[in-house]
Protein backbone atom coordinates (compact mmCIF):
# COMPACT_ATOMS: atom_id res chain seq x y z
CA UNK A 1 61.97 -2.63 85.17
CA UNK A 2 62.28 -5.38 87.76
CA UNK A 3 64.37 -4.97 90.89
CA UNK A 4 64.57 -8.00 93.22
CA UNK A 5 60.99 -9.18 92.59
CA UNK A 6 59.60 -5.67 92.44
CA UNK A 7 58.72 -3.58 89.42
CA UNK A 8 59.58 0.06 89.14
CA UNK A 9 56.35 2.03 88.63
CA UNK A 10 56.17 3.73 85.24
CA UNK A 11 54.10 6.60 86.60
CA UNK A 12 56.15 7.12 89.74
CA UNK A 13 59.81 6.16 89.15
CA UNK A 14 60.63 6.29 92.85
CA UNK A 15 57.85 3.89 93.87
CA UNK A 16 58.40 0.15 93.77
CA UNK A 17 55.28 -2.00 93.37
CA UNK A 18 55.45 -5.68 94.25
CA UNK A 19 55.07 -7.64 90.98
CA UNK A 20 52.17 -9.92 92.13
CA UNK A 21 50.13 -6.88 93.16
CA UNK A 22 50.65 -5.26 89.76
CA UNK A 23 49.65 -8.46 87.94
CA UNK A 24 46.55 -8.72 90.11
CA UNK A 25 45.69 -5.09 89.36
CA UNK A 26 46.20 -5.64 85.62
CA UNK A 27 44.04 -8.77 85.73
CA UNK A 28 41.31 -6.84 87.53
CA UNK A 29 41.59 -3.98 85.01
CA UNK A 30 41.31 -6.43 82.10
CA UNK A 31 38.28 -8.09 83.71
CA UNK A 32 36.64 -4.68 84.22
CA UNK A 33 37.33 -3.70 80.61
CA UNK A 34 35.83 -7.00 79.42
CA UNK A 35 32.70 -6.31 81.51
CA UNK A 36 32.43 -2.84 79.98
CA UNK A 37 32.82 -4.31 76.49
CA UNK A 38 29.96 -6.76 77.19
CA UNK A 39 27.80 -3.91 78.51
CA UNK A 40 28.47 -1.85 75.37
CA UNK A 41 27.74 -4.85 73.16
CA UNK A 42 24.45 -5.49 75.00
CA UNK A 43 23.52 -1.81 74.77
CA UNK A 44 24.38 -1.76 71.07
CA UNK A 45 22.23 -4.85 70.53
CA UNK A 46 19.37 -3.18 72.40
CA UNK A 47 19.73 -0.03 70.29
CA UNK A 48 19.80 -2.08 67.10
CA UNK A 49 16.65 -3.94 68.14
CA UNK A 50 14.91 -0.66 68.99
CA UNK A 51 16.02 0.83 65.69
CA UNK A 52 14.64 -2.16 63.80
CA UNK A 53 11.39 -1.89 65.75
CA UNK A 54 10.98 1.80 64.87
CA UNK A 55 11.91 1.18 61.24
CA UNK A 56 9.22 -1.51 61.09
CA UNK A 57 6.72 0.84 62.74
CA UNK A 58 7.56 3.61 60.25
CA UNK A 59 7.13 1.25 57.30
CA UNK A 60 3.79 0.08 58.72
CA UNK A 61 2.57 3.66 59.25
CA UNK A 62 3.72 4.65 55.78
CA UNK A 63 1.82 1.75 54.22
CA UNK A 64 -1.26 2.44 56.35
CA UNK A 65 -1.19 6.13 55.38
CA UNK A 66 -0.78 5.25 51.71
CA UNK A 67 -3.82 2.95 51.90
CA UNK A 68 -5.87 5.60 53.71
CA UNK A 69 -5.01 8.19 51.06
CA UNK A 70 -6.01 5.72 48.35
CA UNK A 71 -9.29 4.94 50.16
CA UNK A 72 -10.12 8.66 50.50
CA UNK A 73 -9.32 9.20 46.84
CA UNK A 74 -11.63 6.34 45.82
CA UNK A 75 -14.41 7.68 48.08
CA UNK A 76 -14.01 11.14 46.57
CA UNK A 77 -14.16 9.76 43.03
CA UNK A 78 -17.29 7.74 43.86
CA UNK A 79 -18.95 10.80 45.42
CA UNK A 80 -17.99 12.92 42.41
CA UNK A 81 -19.38 10.28 40.05
CA UNK A 82 -22.64 10.21 42.04
CA UNK A 83 -22.81 14.04 42.03
CA UNK A 84 -22.39 14.11 38.23
CA UNK A 85 -25.07 11.41 37.85
CA UNK A 86 -27.51 13.37 40.02
CA UNK A 87 -26.76 16.64 38.20
CA UNK A 88 -27.42 14.91 34.87
CA UNK A 89 -30.69 13.55 36.25
CA UNK A 90 -31.65 17.01 37.50
CA UNK A 91 -30.84 18.51 34.09
CA UNK A 92 -33.02 15.85 32.44
CA UNK A 93 -35.91 16.61 34.80
CA UNK A 94 -35.59 20.35 34.17
CA UNK A 95 -35.52 19.81 30.40
CA UNK A 96 -38.54 17.54 30.56
CA UNK A 97 -40.43 20.19 32.56
CA UNK A 98 -39.55 23.06 30.21
CA UNK A 99 -42.13 22.00 27.68
CA UNK A 100 -44.86 21.53 30.28
CA UNK A 101 -47.18 24.42 31.13
CA UNK A 102 -47.63 25.46 34.76
CA UNK A 103 -51.22 24.18 34.60
CA UNK A 104 -50.02 20.70 33.59
CA UNK A 105 -47.38 20.69 36.37
CA UNK A 106 -50.06 21.24 39.01
CA UNK A 107 -52.02 18.19 37.88
């Protein structure tokens, strides 16, 4: 409510605030709110970038772990294949020695 160039304060009905001062205060409040909005937008952008970074890192670690598991599995299978081959060879040697007398083995 305006009274002779003054506005009646909403919060304090008995206090009259000069209109230009109120406009200046509102302008300052709007400017401050705009600065806070920009800060929140920048912070949100930073959080999004960090989130993307960590998602990329997690995908990379997942892929690396998957490859390591596959490599260990392949190494195990190769070692198992070699163990079976050596056991077969040992069995063959034992079988070939079963028919040989101890005297012939010493020669």
